Protein backbone atom coordinates (compact mmCIF):
# COMPACT_ATOMS: atom_id res chain seq x y z
CA MET A 1 -81.19 14.27 -16.91
CA GLN A 2 -77.90 16.07 -17.66
CA THR A 3 -76.66 16.84 -14.14
CA GLU A 4 -74.13 14.33 -12.81
CA VAL A 5 -75.30 13.01 -9.46
CA GLU A 6 -73.45 10.55 -7.26
CA MET A 7 -75.86 7.80 -6.22
CA LYS A 8 -75.21 5.58 -3.23
CA ARG A 9 -75.82 1.87 -3.70
CA VAL A 10 -75.23 -1.08 -1.38
CA LEU A 11 -72.94 -4.05 -2.09
CA PHE A 12 -70.98 -6.17 0.41
CA ASN A 13 -73.18 -4.40 3.01
CA SER A 14 -71.36 -1.16 2.21
CA GLU A 15 -72.15 1.96 0.18
CA ILE A 16 -70.79 2.06 -3.35
CA THR A 17 -70.97 5.34 -5.30
CA GLN A 18 -72.14 5.45 -8.91
CA LYS A 19 -72.31 8.50 -11.15
CA SER A 20 -75.73 8.96 -12.75
CA LYS A 21 -74.59 10.41 -16.07
CA SER A 22 -71.45 8.43 -16.93
CA GLU A 23 -72.68 5.40 -14.90
CA PHE A 24 -69.07 4.94 -13.70
CA PHE A 25 -68.62 3.28 -10.31
CA SER A 26 -66.19 4.11 -7.53
CA ALA A 27 -63.60 1.33 -7.57
CA THR A 28 -62.29 2.90 -4.37
CA ASP A 29 -65.58 2.20 -2.57
CA LEU A 30 -65.78 -1.28 -4.07
CA VAL A 31 -62.28 -2.31 -2.99
CA ARG A 32 -62.79 -0.86 0.50
CA ALA A 33 -66.06 -2.79 0.89
CA GLY A 34 -64.68 -5.92 -0.73
CA ASN A 35 -61.68 -6.00 1.55
CA ILE A 36 -63.92 -5.78 4.61
CA TRP A 37 -65.79 -8.78 3.21
CA ARG A 38 -62.53 -10.62 2.38
CA HIS A 39 -61.18 -9.97 5.89
CA ALA A 40 -64.39 -11.34 7.44
CA ASN A 41 -63.95 -14.48 5.30
CA ASN A 42 -60.26 -14.93 6.21
CA LEU A 43 -59.01 -13.97 2.75
CA SER A 44 -56.04 -11.75 1.94
CA PRO A 45 -56.80 -8.16 0.86
CA PHE A 46 -57.52 -7.39 -2.78
CA ASN A 47 -54.97 -5.04 -4.36
CA ILE A 48 -56.40 -2.96 -7.19
CA SER A 49 -52.98 -1.65 -8.25
CA MET A 50 -51.86 -5.22 -8.94
CA TRP A 51 -55.14 -5.91 -10.75
CA PHE A 52 -54.57 -2.97 -13.11
CA LYS A 53 -51.07 -4.32 -13.97
CA LYS A 54 -52.20 -7.78 -15.12
CA LYS A 55 -51.71 -8.37 -18.84
CA SER A 56 -55.24 -9.75 -19.26
CA ILE A 57 -56.70 -6.66 -17.53
CA ILE A 58 -54.64 -4.27 -19.67
CA GLU A 59 -55.99 -6.05 -22.77
CA PHE A 60 -59.53 -5.94 -21.35
CA ILE A 61 -59.27 -2.20 -20.64
CA THR A 62 -58.01 -1.62 -24.19
CA GLU A 63 -61.06 -3.40 -25.60
CA VAL A 64 -63.46 -1.47 -23.35
CA GLU A 65 -61.86 1.81 -24.43
CA LEU A 66 -62.04 0.89 -28.12
CA LYS A 67 -65.77 0.26 -27.81
CA TYR A 68 -66.89 2.80 -25.16
CA GLY A 69 -64.15 5.41 -24.88
CA LYS A 70 -62.61 6.21 -21.51
CA ALA A 71 -62.71 3.16 -19.24
CA TYR A 72 -61.45 4.60 -15.97
CA SER A 73 -60.22 7.68 -14.17
CA MET A 74 -57.50 7.07 -11.59
CA GLY A 75 -57.84 8.96 -8.31
CA ARG A 76 -54.69 10.47 -6.88
CA GLY A 77 -54.28 11.40 -3.24
CA LYS A 78 -56.25 10.85 -0.08
CA GLY A 79 -60.02 10.95 -0.45
CA LYS A 80 -59.92 10.76 -4.26
CA HIS A 81 -61.89 8.04 -6.03
CA THR A 82 -60.85 5.86 -8.92
CA TRP A 83 -63.87 5.69 -11.24
CA VAL A 84 -64.39 2.72 -13.56
CA HIS A 85 -66.69 1.74 -16.41
CA PRO A 86 -69.42 -0.74 -15.34
CA LEU A 87 -67.66 -3.57 -17.21
CA LEU A 88 -64.46 -2.98 -15.24
CA PHE A 89 -66.54 -2.75 -12.07
CA ILE A 90 -67.94 -6.23 -12.71
CA ASP A 91 -64.49 -7.63 -13.30
CA ILE A 92 -63.11 -6.08 -10.10
CA ALA A 93 -66.07 -7.36 -8.07
CA LEU A 94 -65.61 -10.85 -9.46
CA ALA A 95 -61.89 -10.73 -8.73
CA ILE A 96 -62.71 -9.81 -5.13
CA SER A 97 -65.18 -12.70 -4.86
CA PRO A 98 -66.16 -14.97 -7.75
CA LYS A 99 -69.04 -16.24 -5.57
CA LEU A 100 -70.74 -12.85 -6.03
CA LYS A 101 -71.25 -13.20 -9.78
CA VAL A 102 -75.05 -13.53 -9.71
CA GLU A 103 -75.50 -10.83 -7.05
CA VAL A 104 -73.27 -8.39 -8.92
CA TYR A 105 -75.04 -8.94 -12.25
CA GLU A 106 -78.47 -8.45 -10.70
CA TRP A 107 -77.32 -5.43 -8.73
CA LEU A 108 -75.59 -3.80 -11.68
CA PHE A 109 -78.48 -4.14 -14.08
CA ASP A 110 -81.28 -2.92 -11.85
CA HIS A 111 -83.07 0.25 -12.90
CA LEU A 112 -81.83 2.67 -10.25
CA ILE A 113 -80.00 5.01 -12.65
CA LYS A 114 -82.80 4.84 -15.22
CA HIS A 115 -85.37 5.91 -12.60
CA ARG A 116 -83.03 8.64 -11.30
CA ASN A 117 -82.66 10.13 -14.77
CA ASN A 118 -86.35 9.71 -15.64
CA SER A 119 -87.45 11.45 -12.45
CA GLY A 120 -85.05 14.30 -13.18
CA ASP A 121 -86.60 14.75 -16.62
CA SER A 122 -90.17 14.52 -15.29
CA TYR A 123 -89.29 17.10 -12.61
CA LYS A 124 -88.51 19.62 -15.37
CA THR A 125 -91.80 18.81 -17.11
CA MET A 126 -93.71 19.23 -13.84
CA CYS A 127 -92.00 22.56 -13.12
CA GLY A 128 -92.86 23.83 -16.59
CA ALA A 129 -96.51 22.83 -16.27
CA LEU A 130 -96.82 24.47 -12.84
CA TYR A 131 -94.92 27.62 -13.84
CA VAL A 132 -97.34 28.38 -16.69
CA ARG A 133 -100.24 28.50 -14.23
CA GLN A 134 -98.36 30.27 -11.41
CA GLY A 135 -99.76 33.70 -10.74
CA ASP A 136 -96.80 35.12 -8.81
CA LYS A 137 -93.73 34.12 -10.86
CA LYS A 138 -91.33 35.61 -8.30
CA ALA A 139 -92.66 33.26 -5.63
CA PHE A 140 -92.29 30.20 -7.89
CA PRO A 141 -88.85 29.04 -6.63
CA LYS A 142 -90.13 28.92 -3.06
CA TYR A 143 -93.36 27.27 -4.20
CA ILE A 144 -91.62 24.53 -6.20
CA SER A 145 -89.20 23.91 -3.32
CA SER A 146 -92.21 23.31 -1.06
CA ILE A 147 -93.70 20.86 -3.57
CA ALA A 148 -90.38 19.01 -3.89
CA LYS A 149 -90.30 18.63 -0.10
CA GLN A 150 -93.87 17.27 -0.08
CA ILE A 151 -92.90 14.73 -2.76
CA GLN A 152 -89.81 13.75 -0.80
CA ASN A 153 -91.93 13.21 2.32
CA ARG A 154 -94.52 11.21 0.36
CA CYS A 155 -91.77 8.96 -1.02
CA LYS A 156 -90.31 8.61 2.51
CA VAL A 157 -86.84 9.67 1.39
CA ARG A 158 -84.35 11.51 3.55
CA ASN A 159 -81.71 11.95 0.84
CA TRP A 160 -82.41 11.39 -2.88
CA GLN A 161 -78.87 10.11 -3.49
CA GLU A 162 -79.71 7.17 -1.21
CA ALA A 163 -83.19 6.53 -2.63
CA THR A 164 -84.23 3.07 -3.76
CA GLU A 165 -85.38 2.18 -7.25
CA LYS A 166 -88.98 2.01 -5.98
CA GLN A 167 -88.79 5.47 -4.36
CA LEU A 168 -87.34 7.03 -7.52
CA ALA A 169 -90.04 5.40 -9.66
CA LEU A 170 -92.71 6.80 -7.31
CA ARG A 171 -91.15 10.28 -7.53
CA ASP A 172 -91.18 10.04 -11.33
CA GLN A 173 -94.87 9.04 -11.31
CA ILE A 174 -95.82 11.88 -8.93
CA HIS A 175 -94.03 14.40 -11.17
CA LYS A 176 -95.91 13.08 -14.22
CA ASP A 177 -99.24 13.10 -12.36
CA ILE A 178 -98.76 16.69 -11.19
CA ALA A 179 -97.88 17.82 -14.72
CA TRP A 180 -100.89 15.99 -16.19
CA LEU A 181 -103.31 17.20 -13.51
CA SER A 182 -102.11 20.79 -13.75
CA ASP A 183 -103.03 20.68 -17.44
CA SER A 184 -106.52 19.53 -16.43
CA PHE A 185 -107.08 22.07 -13.62
CA ASN A 186 -106.41 25.74 -13.36
CA ASN A 187 -105.37 25.27 -9.74
CA ASN A 188 -101.80 24.11 -9.10
CA ASN A 189 -102.43 23.37 -5.45
CA GLU A 190 -105.31 21.06 -6.30
CA ALA A 191 -103.20 19.25 -8.91
CA VAL A 192 -100.41 18.69 -6.38
CA ARG A 193 -102.84 17.55 -3.68
CA MET A 194 -104.53 15.05 -6.00
CA ALA A 195 -101.23 13.67 -7.30
CA LEU A 196 -99.90 13.14 -3.78
CA ASP A 197 -103.17 11.48 -2.74
CA ARG A 198 -102.95 9.10 -5.69
CA ALA A 199 -99.37 8.08 -4.87
């Protein structure tokens, strides 16, 4: 999936934004959430500006950039996010609370982004399979929009950017089933109905 989408994930009981294509995280969201957690645990606030100035962090960033390219993008002004490479994200999270090491590792390496990108690719495949068998090509955009809404309802998702790994995996499977069934039938509506029933 080539389109950059901002996914919402939960850490410290707060939403953290991650970009689907670059996989960069919002350090702004992380620090905001982490400082709420630190305040609740009677700890002083975490200062990301000071973190970026530490010699060990500067060396770490240099190494990340040598291996992966750009490591962060600094936000300027109100409402702007600072975006960081996942390795920097881990380091910031651990600096906020070393006790979170296991939670952060598990959270970071789940398959949310993989399922988001896979379901985007399978959506294109499904659209192609349905389009070939669509009689009225002009009505196809409205038709596919209706199918997308049915899939969203079946997956019980209000907003795809807030979908869980399980919901995205289900969407991916429905897309694949519709594409496969539409190859087997000459009736798009029947293929969609059967795929949704199987889900």
